[in-house]
N, C-alpha and C. Protein backbone atom coordinates (compact mmCIF):
# COMPACT_ATOMS: atom_id res chain seq x y z
N MET A 1 1.02 -1.24 -0.01
CA MET A 1 -0.35 -0.14 0.16
C MET A 1 0.65 0.98 -0.28
N THR A 2 1.85 1.31 0.50
CA THR A 2 2.99 2.22 0.98
C THR A 2 4.74 1.66 0.96
N ASP A 3 5.46 2.60 0.66
CA ASP A 3 6.12 1.82 1.03
C ASP A 3 6.97 1.70 2.13
N HIS A 4 6.53 2.06 2.94
CA HIS A 4 6.04 1.77 4.53
C HIS A 4 6.20 0.06 5.01
N PRO A 5 6.70 -0.40 5.63
CA PRO A 5 6.80 -1.84 5.77
C PRO A 5 5.99 -1.65 6.78
N ASP A 6 6.34 -0.47 7.73
CA ASP A 6 5.82 -0.70 9.40
C ASP A 6 4.36 -0.04 9.75
N LEU A 7 4.21 0.34 8.66
CA LEU A 7 2.81 1.81 7.99
C LEU A 7 1.78 0.13 8.33
N THR A 8 0.44 1.38 9.30
CA THR A 8 -0.85 0.57 9.45
C THR A 8 -2.08 1.86 9.23
N LEU A 9 -2.98 1.53 8.07
CA LEU A 9 -3.75 1.94 8.09
C LEU A 9 -4.99 1.28 9.28
N ARG A 10 -5.54 2.53 9.72
CA ARG A 10 -6.96 1.97 11.01
C ARG A 10 -7.83 3.27 11.29
N VAL A 11 -8.88 3.04 11.58
CA VAL A 11 -9.72 3.97 12.05
C VAL A 11 -9.58 4.23 13.34
N ALA A 12 -9.70 5.66 13.49
CA ALA A 12 -9.09 6.37 14.33
C ALA A 12 -9.76 6.13 15.74
N ASP A 13 -9.76 5.98 17.13
CA ASP A 13 -10.41 5.68 18.56
C ASP A 13 -10.17 6.99 19.16
N MET A 14 -10.47 7.25 20.23
CA MET A 14 -10.79 8.40 21.40
C MET A 14 -9.58 8.02 21.85
N ALA A 15 -8.12 6.89 22.22
CA ALA A 15 -6.89 7.28 22.19
C ALA A 15 -6.34 8.07 21.39
N ASP A 16 -6.84 8.32 19.90
CA ASP A 16 -5.95 9.34 19.40
C ASP A 16 -5.64 10.47 19.17
N ALA A 17 -7.24 11.01 20.35
CA ALA A 17 -7.55 12.37 19.65
C ALA A 17 -6.35 13.45 20.20
N SER A 18 -5.52 13.62 20.98
CA SER A 18 -4.03 14.59 21.11
C SER A 18 -2.90 13.61 20.37
N SER A 19 -3.33 12.89 19.72
CA SER A 19 -2.16 13.27 18.77
C SER A 19 -2.55 13.72 17.60
N LEU A 20 -3.39 12.75 17.60
CA LEU A 20 -4.51 13.99 15.75
C LEU A 20 -4.42 15.58 16.51
N ALA A 21 -4.97 15.89 17.36
CA ALA A 21 -4.48 17.49 17.68
C ALA A 21 -3.44 17.86 17.34
N ALA A 22 -2.22 17.25 17.91
CA ALA A 22 -0.90 17.40 17.95
C ALA A 22 -0.50 17.39 16.65
N LEU A 23 -0.80 16.82 15.54
CA LEU A 23 -0.18 16.48 14.40
C LEU A 23 -1.27 17.53 13.42
N SER A 24 -2.48 17.97 13.53
CA SER A 24 -3.11 18.96 12.86
C SER A 24 -2.42 20.21 12.89
N LEU A 25 -1.78 21.11 14.50
CA LEU A 25 -1.29 21.35 14.82
C LEU A 25 -0.18 22.01 13.82
N GLU A 26 0.62 20.61 13.78
CA GLU A 26 1.78 20.85 13.18
C GLU A 26 1.91 21.23 11.42
N VAL A 27 0.80 20.71 10.89
CA VAL A 27 0.96 20.99 9.66
C VAL A 27 -0.33 22.21 9.46
N TRP A 28 -0.98 22.41 10.16
CA TRP A 28 -1.31 23.54 9.97
C TRP A 28 -0.13 24.94 10.15
N ILE A 29 0.29 25.03 11.17
CA ILE A 29 1.19 26.26 11.43
C ILE A 29 2.46 25.99 10.15
N GLY A 30 2.87 25.10 9.54
CA GLY A 30 3.29 24.41 9.21
C GLY A 30 2.94 24.82 7.63
N THR A 31 1.97 25.14 7.13
CA THR A 31 1.15 25.17 5.83
C THR A 31 1.11 26.20 5.51
N TYR A 32 0.30 27.10 6.65
CA TYR A 32 -0.13 27.92 6.84
C TYR A 32 0.39 29.60 7.41
N MET A 33 1.52 29.15 8.26
CA MET A 33 1.63 30.42 9.08
C MET A 33 3.03 30.34 8.53
N ARG A 34 3.69 30.67 7.53
CA ARG A 34 4.97 30.46 7.17
C ARG A 34 5.88 31.56 6.72
N GLU A 35 5.09 32.85 7.06
CA GLU A 35 6.00 34.13 7.34
C GLU A 35 5.91 34.53 8.94
N GLY A 36 5.08 34.12 9.37
CA GLY A 36 5.59 34.61 11.29
C GLY A 36 4.06 34.13 11.65
N VAL A 37 4.18 33.65 12.59
CA VAL A 37 2.95 33.34 13.64
C VAL A 37 2.18 35.00 14.64
N SER A 38 1.12 34.60 13.70
CA SER A 38 0.18 36.54 14.48
C SER A 38 -0.72 35.64 15.52
N GLY A 39 -0.80 36.86 16.42
CA GLY A 39 -2.17 36.56 17.15
C GLY A 39 -3.30 35.80 16.76
N PHE A 40 -4.29 36.44 15.27
CA PHE A 40 -4.96 36.31 15.15
C PHE A 40 -4.86 34.15 14.78
N PHE A 41 -4.47 33.84 13.74
CA PHE A 41 -4.25 32.49 13.58
C PHE A 41 -3.60 32.00 14.78
N ALA A 42 -2.82 31.89 15.83
CA ALA A 42 -2.84 30.96 16.97
C ALA A 42 -3.29 31.34 17.73
N ASP A 43 -4.92 32.19 17.68
CA ASP A 43 -6.10 31.92 18.81
C ASP A 43 -6.76 30.87 17.93
N TYR A 44 -6.39 30.82 16.46
CA TYR A 44 -7.99 29.99 15.86
C TYR A 44 -7.28 28.94 16.31
N VAL A 45 -6.02 28.58 16.08
CA VAL A 45 -5.44 26.83 15.77
C VAL A 45 -5.55 26.34 17.22
N LEU A 46 -5.24 27.49 18.26
CA LEU A 46 -5.26 26.81 19.73
C LEU A 46 -6.56 26.84 20.26
N ALA A 47 -8.01 27.23 19.46
CA ALA A 47 -9.19 26.69 19.45
C ALA A 47 -9.55 25.61 19.43
N GLU A 48 -9.19 25.70 17.86
CA GLU A 48 -9.56 24.59 17.26
C GLU A 48 -9.05 22.96 17.17
N LEU A 49 -7.80 23.41 17.39
CA LEU A 49 -7.26 22.23 17.19
C LEU A 49 -6.82 21.56 18.19
N THR A 50 -7.70 20.98 19.31
CA THR A 50 -7.82 20.66 20.81
C THR A 50 -7.86 19.38 20.70
N ALA A 51 -7.48 18.66 21.63
CA ALA A 51 -7.88 16.99 22.01
C ALA A 51 -9.05 17.31 22.26
N ALA A 52 -9.72 17.90 23.14
CA ALA A 52 -11.20 17.81 22.83
C ALA A 52 -11.86 18.02 21.95
N ARG A 53 -11.70 19.15 20.62
CA ARG A 53 -11.91 19.11 19.58
C ARG A 53 -12.25 17.75 19.03
N PHE A 54 -11.31 17.17 18.57
CA PHE A 54 -11.11 15.35 18.22
C PHE A 54 -11.36 15.02 19.02
N ALA A 55 -12.15 14.63 19.99
CA ALA A 55 -12.99 13.44 20.87
C ALA A 55 -14.57 13.93 20.42
N GLU A 56 -14.85 14.81 20.07
CA GLU A 56 -15.72 15.15 19.04
C GLU A 56 -16.41 14.61 18.00
N THR A 57 -15.07 14.99 17.43
CA THR A 57 -15.10 14.76 15.91
C THR A 57 -14.59 13.10 15.95
N LEU A 58 -14.49 12.46 17.21
CA LEU A 58 -14.66 11.25 17.16
C LEU A 58 -15.61 10.27 17.40
N ALA A 59 -16.04 11.05 18.48
CA ALA A 59 -17.64 10.65 18.74
C ALA A 59 -18.99 10.25 17.76
N ASP A 60 -18.85 11.44 16.81
CA ASP A 60 -19.86 12.47 16.14
C ASP A 60 -19.97 11.21 14.72
N PRO A 61 -21.42 9.84 14.76
CA PRO A 61 -21.30 8.95 13.92
C PRO A 61 -21.45 9.61 12.12
N GLN A 62 -21.52 10.93 12.25
CA GLN A 62 -21.05 11.66 10.81
C GLN A 62 -19.91 12.04 10.25
N GLU A 63 -18.77 11.71 11.31
CA GLU A 63 -17.40 11.32 11.18
C GLU A 63 -17.05 10.45 10.63
N HIS A 64 -15.57 10.57 10.21
CA HIS A 64 -14.54 9.05 10.33
C HIS A 64 -13.67 9.42 9.38
N VAL A 65 -12.86 8.86 10.61
CA VAL A 65 -11.43 9.70 10.38
C VAL A 65 -10.24 7.62 10.56
N ILE A 66 -9.46 7.82 9.68
CA ILE A 66 -8.40 7.44 9.01
C ILE A 66 -7.31 7.20 9.08
N VAL A 67 -6.76 6.77 10.37
CA VAL A 67 -5.25 6.80 10.75
C VAL A 67 -4.39 5.98 9.97
N SER A 68 -3.02 6.52 10.02
CA SER A 68 -1.50 5.84 9.75
C SER A 68 -1.23 6.36 10.65
N GLN A 69 -0.37 5.12 10.82
CA GLN A 69 0.39 4.93 12.20
C GLN A 69 1.74 4.12 11.72
N ASN A 70 2.88 4.07 12.08
CA ASN A 70 3.80 4.12 11.83
C ASN A 70 4.19 3.34 13.57
N ARG A 71 6.07 2.45 13.39
CA ARG A 71 6.06 1.54 15.01
C ARG A 71 6.06 2.85 15.85
N VAL A 72 6.29 3.64 15.95
CA VAL A 72 6.11 4.85 17.09
C VAL A 72 4.92 5.46 16.79
N GLY A 73 3.87 6.16 16.43
CA GLY A 73 3.09 6.93 16.15
C GLY A 73 2.24 6.93 14.97
N ILE A 74 1.49 7.97 14.66
CA ILE A 74 0.44 8.53 14.00
C ILE A 74 1.48 9.48 13.07
N ASP A 75 1.36 9.60 11.50
CA ASP A 75 1.82 10.68 10.75
C ASP A 75 0.85 10.92 9.93
N GLY A 76 0.45 10.39 9.66
CA GLY A 76 -0.99 11.48 8.86
C GLY A 76 -2.11 10.96 9.66
N TYR A 77 -3.14 11.30 8.76
CA TYR A 77 -5.38 11.10 9.02
C TYR A 77 -5.94 11.77 8.11
N ILE A 78 -6.89 10.83 7.89
CA ILE A 78 -8.01 11.19 6.15
C ILE A 78 -9.44 11.77 7.36
N ARG A 79 -9.72 12.70 7.53
CA ARG A 79 -11.00 12.86 8.15
C ARG A 79 -12.00 13.00 7.17
N ILE A 80 -12.94 12.51 7.06
CA ILE A 80 -14.22 12.29 5.98
C ILE A 80 -15.61 12.56 6.34
N SER A 81 -16.24 13.84 6.90
CA SER A 81 -17.57 14.20 7.08
C SER A 81 -18.88 14.31 6.09
N ARG A 82 -19.79 13.87 7.13
CA ARG A 82 -21.05 13.49 6.00
C ARG A 82 -22.07 14.83 6.34
N GLY A 83 -23.14 14.94 5.99
CA GLY A 83 -23.85 15.53 5.82
C GLY A 83 -23.11 17.16 5.56
N ARG A 84 -22.12 17.50 4.63
CA ARG A 84 -21.70 18.89 4.71
C ARG A 84 -21.70 18.95 2.79
N PRO A 85 -22.64 19.48 2.66
CA PRO A 85 -23.29 19.75 1.13
C PRO A 85 -21.84 20.68 0.91
N GLY A 86 -21.26 20.42 -0.54
CA GLY A 86 -20.28 21.30 -1.06
C GLY A 86 -20.79 22.75 -1.96
N PRO A 87 -19.99 23.38 -1.93
CA PRO A 87 -20.52 24.81 -1.87
C PRO A 87 -20.21 25.01 -3.61
N THR A 88 -20.55 23.95 -4.29
CA THR A 88 -20.63 24.49 -5.64
C THR A 88 -21.41 23.42 -6.43
N PRO A 89 -21.42 23.45 -7.49
CA PRO A 89 -23.02 22.68 -8.06
C PRO A 89 -22.05 21.25 -8.13
N GLY A 90 -22.31 20.44 -7.99
CA GLY A 90 -21.89 19.20 -8.38
C GLY A 90 -21.52 18.60 -7.21
N CYS A 91 -21.23 18.87 -6.11
CA CYS A 91 -21.04 18.48 -5.46
C CYS A 91 -21.73 17.22 -3.98
N SER A 92 -21.59 16.59 -3.11
CA SER A 92 -22.43 16.31 -2.62
C SER A 92 -22.41 15.84 -1.57
N ASP A 93 -22.90 16.13 -0.20
CA ASP A 93 -22.51 15.89 0.93
C ASP A 93 -21.82 14.86 1.67
N VAL A 94 -20.66 15.05 1.45
CA VAL A 94 -19.97 13.87 2.22
C VAL A 94 -17.95 15.14 1.67
N GLU A 95 -17.62 15.49 2.31
CA GLU A 95 -16.46 16.10 2.18
C GLU A 95 -15.54 14.99 2.74
N ILE A 96 -14.24 15.57 2.06
CA ILE A 96 -12.92 15.00 2.71
C ILE A 96 -12.36 15.99 3.39
N THR A 97 -12.51 16.50 4.77
CA THR A 97 -13.00 16.93 5.81
C THR A 97 -10.86 17.70 5.42
N THR A 98 -10.38 16.60 5.98
CA THR A 98 -8.31 16.96 6.02
C THR A 98 -8.05 15.45 5.57
N LEU A 99 -6.69 15.79 4.57
CA LEU A 99 -5.94 14.94 5.30
C LEU A 99 -4.54 15.01 5.26
N TYR A 100 -4.24 15.44 6.05
CA TYR A 100 -2.83 15.67 6.89
C TYR A 100 -2.01 14.38 6.88
N VAL A 101 -0.81 15.01 6.44
CA VAL A 101 0.76 13.97 6.69
C VAL A 101 1.90 14.55 7.38
N GLN A 102 2.44 14.55 7.89
CA GLN A 102 3.02 15.06 8.23
C GLN A 102 4.53 15.62 7.47
N PRO A 103 4.46 16.73 7.59
CA PRO A 103 5.61 16.96 6.54
C PRO A 103 6.91 16.36 6.51
N ARG A 104 7.44 15.72 7.40
CA ARG A 104 8.90 14.63 7.42
C ARG A 104 8.59 13.66 6.46
N HIS A 105 7.32 13.22 6.45
CA HIS A 105 7.09 12.07 5.49
C HIS A 105 6.58 12.19 4.64
N HIS A 106 5.95 13.50 4.33
CA HIS A 106 5.86 13.62 2.64
C HIS A 106 6.66 12.94 1.70
N GLY A 107 5.93 12.44 0.38
CA GLY A 107 6.78 11.32 -0.33
C GLY A 107 6.86 10.05 -0.20
N ARG A 108 6.52 9.62 0.60
CA ARG A 108 6.82 8.47 1.09
C ARG A 108 5.18 7.51 1.00
N GLY A 109 4.16 7.68 0.25
CA GLY A 109 2.82 7.72 -0.59
C GLY A 109 2.13 7.63 0.98
N ILE A 110 2.10 7.78 2.25
CA ILE A 110 1.26 7.93 3.44
C ILE A 110 -0.19 8.79 2.62
N GLY A 111 -0.20 9.65 2.67
CA GLY A 111 -1.08 10.33 1.50
C GLY A 111 -2.06 9.82 0.79
N ALA A 112 -1.16 9.23 -0.32
CA ALA A 112 -2.25 8.38 -1.50
C ALA A 112 -2.73 7.21 -0.86
N ALA A 113 -2.48 6.88 0.18
CA ALA A 113 -2.61 5.11 1.12
C ALA A 113 -3.93 5.96 1.34
N LEU A 114 -3.87 7.20 2.47
CA LEU A 114 -4.83 7.45 3.34
C LEU A 114 -6.25 7.40 2.47
N LEU A 115 -6.00 8.40 1.34
CA LEU A 115 -6.93 8.76 0.43
C LEU A 115 -7.37 7.45 -0.35
N ARG A 116 -6.90 6.51 -1.14
CA ARG A 116 -7.60 5.21 -1.29
C ARG A 116 -8.55 4.43 -0.39
N ALA A 117 -7.61 4.62 0.91
CA ALA A 117 -8.63 4.43 2.70
C ALA A 117 -9.95 4.68 2.25
N GLY A 118 -9.86 6.40 2.44
CA GLY A 118 -10.69 7.13 2.43
C GLY A 118 -12.30 6.84 1.59
N LEU A 119 -11.65 6.85 0.36
CA LEU A 119 -12.55 6.87 -0.88
C LEU A 119 -13.12 5.05 -0.73
N ALA A 120 -11.91 4.47 -0.75
CA ALA A 120 -12.53 2.88 -0.57
C ALA A 120 -13.72 2.97 0.83
N HIS A 121 -13.41 3.63 1.35
CA HIS A 121 -15.03 3.76 2.85
C HIS A 121 -16.10 4.42 2.68
N CYS A 122 -15.85 5.62 1.26
CA CYS A 122 -17.20 5.85 0.87
C CYS A 122 -17.09 5.35 -0.14
N ALA A 123 -17.16 4.37 -0.67
CA ALA A 123 -17.94 3.27 -1.96
C ALA A 123 -17.98 2.55 -1.25
N GLU A 124 -18.32 1.35 0.14
CA GLU A 124 -18.99 0.95 0.72
C GLU A 124 -20.29 1.53 1.73
N GLU A 125 -20.48 2.81 1.90
CA GLU A 125 -21.19 3.30 2.29
C GLU A 125 -21.89 3.90 1.58
N GLY A 126 -21.93 3.93 0.02
CA GLY A 126 -22.44 3.92 -1.29
C GLY A 126 -22.24 5.09 -1.80
N VAL A 127 -21.63 5.80 -1.63
CA VAL A 127 -21.37 7.73 -1.86
C VAL A 127 -20.90 6.95 -3.21
N ALA A 128 -21.30 7.95 -4.09
CA ALA A 128 -21.22 8.18 -5.05
C ALA A 128 -19.50 9.24 -5.59
N ARG A 129 -19.67 10.29 -4.76
CA ARG A 129 -19.14 11.31 -5.14
C ARG A 129 -18.37 12.54 -3.46
N VAL A 130 -17.65 12.19 -3.88
CA VAL A 130 -16.84 13.11 -2.84
C VAL A 130 -16.07 14.72 -2.89
N TRP A 131 -16.12 15.64 -1.96
CA TRP A 131 -15.47 17.21 -2.55
C TRP A 131 -14.99 17.67 -1.15
N LEU A 132 -13.82 18.13 -1.94
CA LEU A 132 -12.61 19.38 -0.68
C LEU A 132 -12.45 20.17 -0.97
N ALA A 133 -12.04 20.98 -0.41
CA ALA A 133 -11.32 22.35 -0.12
C ALA A 133 -9.72 22.24 0.23
N SER A 134 -9.39 23.38 -0.61
CA SER A 134 -7.38 23.36 -0.52
C SER A 134 -7.76 24.27 -0.72
N ASN A 135 -6.78 25.48 -0.02
CA ASN A 135 -5.97 26.82 0.11
C ASN A 135 -5.83 27.31 -1.11
N ALA A 136 -5.87 27.97 -2.06
CA ALA A 136 -5.77 28.65 -3.54
C ALA A 136 -4.20 28.37 -3.38
N GLU A 137 -3.91 28.54 -2.88
CA GLU A 137 -1.98 28.94 -2.49
C GLU A 137 -1.74 27.88 -2.46
N ASN A 138 -2.02 26.81 -1.78
CA ASN A 138 -1.44 25.56 -1.51
C ASN A 138 -1.63 24.59 -3.01
N THR A 139 -0.54 25.07 -3.49
CA THR A 139 -0.06 24.27 -4.65
C THR A 139 0.42 23.01 -5.08
N PRO A 140 1.49 22.49 -3.85
CA PRO A 140 1.08 21.30 -3.36
C PRO A 140 0.35 20.14 -3.26
N ALA A 141 -0.65 20.83 -2.47
CA ALA A 141 -1.80 20.05 -2.35
C ALA A 141 -2.94 19.71 -3.58
N LYS A 142 -2.81 20.60 -4.35
CA LYS A 142 -3.32 20.78 -5.35
C LYS A 142 -2.89 19.66 -6.28
N ALA A 143 -1.64 20.31 -6.67
CA ALA A 143 -1.11 19.00 -7.34
C ALA A 143 -1.42 17.57 -7.13
N PHE A 144 -1.24 17.23 -5.94
CA PHE A 144 -1.59 15.82 -5.16
C PHE A 144 -2.76 15.53 -5.80
N TYR A 145 -3.40 16.48 -5.08
CA TYR A 145 -5.62 16.37 -5.32
C TYR A 145 -5.54 16.26 -7.08
N LEU A 146 -4.86 16.90 -8.05
CA LEU A 146 -4.85 16.60 -9.38
C LEU A 146 -4.76 15.60 -9.85
N SER A 147 -3.59 14.62 -9.56
CA SER A 147 -3.30 13.28 -9.67
C SER A 147 -3.56 12.35 -9.26
N GLN A 148 -4.24 12.60 -8.42
CA GLN A 148 -4.70 11.28 -7.95
C GLN A 148 -6.55 11.03 -8.21
N GLY A 149 -7.06 11.65 -9.38
CA GLY A 149 -7.92 11.95 -10.14
C GLY A 149 -9.00 13.20 -9.44
N PHE A 150 -8.49 14.09 -8.96
CA PHE A 150 -10.07 14.69 -8.31
C PHE A 150 -9.41 15.71 -9.71
N GLU A 151 -11.23 16.52 -9.72
CA GLU A 151 -11.28 17.62 -10.83
C GLU A 151 -11.62 19.40 -10.15
N ARG A 152 -11.07 20.21 -10.55
CA ARG A 152 -11.05 21.44 -9.57
C ARG A 152 -12.61 21.66 -10.13
N VAL A 153 -13.40 22.38 -9.40
CA VAL A 153 -15.38 22.33 -10.53
C VAL A 153 -15.43 23.81 -9.66
N GLY A 154 -14.62 24.93 -8.78
CA GLY A 154 -14.97 25.88 -8.23
C GLY A 154 -14.38 26.71 -7.34
N GLU A 155 -14.27 27.79 -6.74
CA GLU A 155 -13.63 28.32 -5.71
C GLU A 155 -15.27 28.69 -4.36
N THR A 156 -14.07 28.53 -3.61
CA THR A 156 -15.36 28.98 -1.83
C THR A 156 -14.67 29.51 -0.90
N GLN A 157 -14.75 29.85 0.41
CA GLN A 157 -13.81 30.72 1.39
C GLN A 157 -14.00 29.88 2.77
N PHE A 158 -12.79 29.76 2.96
CA PHE A 158 -12.28 29.48 4.34
C PHE A 158 -12.37 30.72 5.27
N VAL A 159 -13.77 31.40 5.80
CA VAL A 159 -13.55 32.08 6.93
C VAL A 159 -13.26 31.91 8.33
N ILE A 160 -12.70 32.59 9.19
CA ILE A 160 -12.02 32.30 10.20
C ILE A 160 -12.26 33.39 10.75
N ASN A 161 -13.23 34.29 11.48
CA ASN A 161 -13.86 35.53 12.27
C ASN A 161 -14.32 36.28 11.35
N ASP A 162 -13.84 37.47 10.27
CA ASP A 162 -14.71 38.43 9.71
C ASP A 162 -12.91 38.39 8.57
N GLN A 163 -12.38 37.30 8.59
CA GLN A 163 -11.50 37.06 7.64
C GLN A 163 -11.65 35.71 6.40
N SER A 164 -11.44 36.39 5.47
CA SER A 164 -12.00 34.83 4.72
C SER A 164 -10.29 34.66 3.35
N TYR A 165 -10.54 33.66 3.26
CA TYR A 165 -9.22 33.53 2.35
C TYR A 165 -10.13 32.26 1.43
N LEU A 166 -9.13 32.31 0.41
CA LEU A 166 -9.96 31.85 -0.81
C LEU A 166 -9.49 30.40 -1.49
N ASN A 167 -10.14 29.21 -1.51
CA ASN A 167 -10.14 28.11 -1.25
C ASN A 167 -10.26 27.30 -2.40
N ASP A 168 -10.11 26.76 -3.45
CA ASP A 168 -10.49 25.64 -4.67
C ASP A 168 -10.54 24.55 -4.61
N VAL A 169 -12.21 24.25 -5.09
CA VAL A 169 -13.17 22.89 -4.54
C VAL A 169 -12.92 21.90 -5.32
N PHE A 170 -12.46 20.58 -5.02
CA PHE A 170 -12.56 20.05 -5.82
C PHE A 170 -13.24 18.50 -5.80
N THR A 171 -13.57 17.55 -6.96
CA THR A 171 -14.63 16.71 -6.63
C THR A 171 -14.25 15.29 -7.17
N ARG A 172 -14.49 14.03 -6.95
CA ARG A 172 -13.78 13.22 -7.43
C ARG A 172 -15.08 11.56 -7.04
N ASP A 173 -15.39 10.94 -7.91
CA ASP A 173 -16.14 9.75 -7.86
C ASP A 173 -15.45 9.01 -7.08
N CYS A 174 -16.17 8.66 -5.84
CA CYS A 174 -15.62 6.93 -4.97
C CYS A 174 -15.85 5.49 -5.71
N LEU A 175 -17.24 5.61 -6.19
CA LEU A 175 -17.46 4.48 -7.14
C LEU A 175 -16.90 3.85 -8.62
N GLY A 176 -16.53 2.72 -8.57
CA GLY A 176 -15.44 2.49 -9.67
C GLY A 176 -14.88 3.01 -9.95
């Protein structure tokens, strides 16, 4: 599945909440706070990316989280959310809310393996199509999604308080 002989993909459980929060902080800060850490963004990530919030997500039957775990711990995850209508025509109500891999593990096939597992889960659940949004400036992520069979179908805004940030919307079939 990947070139990691010691990699395991599994459904996340409550014991993973703090690891998911820490990994999310690392990826979010590294991706979006490239020029420095402002109080605005620090307040956002410290309020949103907490173990308690991840415990809520893991307890929600509309959420499905798959983690990749190496011999030491979690190095990536995919979160799939039901009941999240897409922002553009052609989107379903199933979103790949998050696909994060620790930067030091990029290029090892972990993201592709997680994406395959997430799409397989959706197909098993009878979901025909999923959508996701990616920051318009996140060129590596957008290239990855396009290389994995997603198509760009529009734009949306990611909103924090009174500020918004352009995101591209992508969709892909799960079945077949």
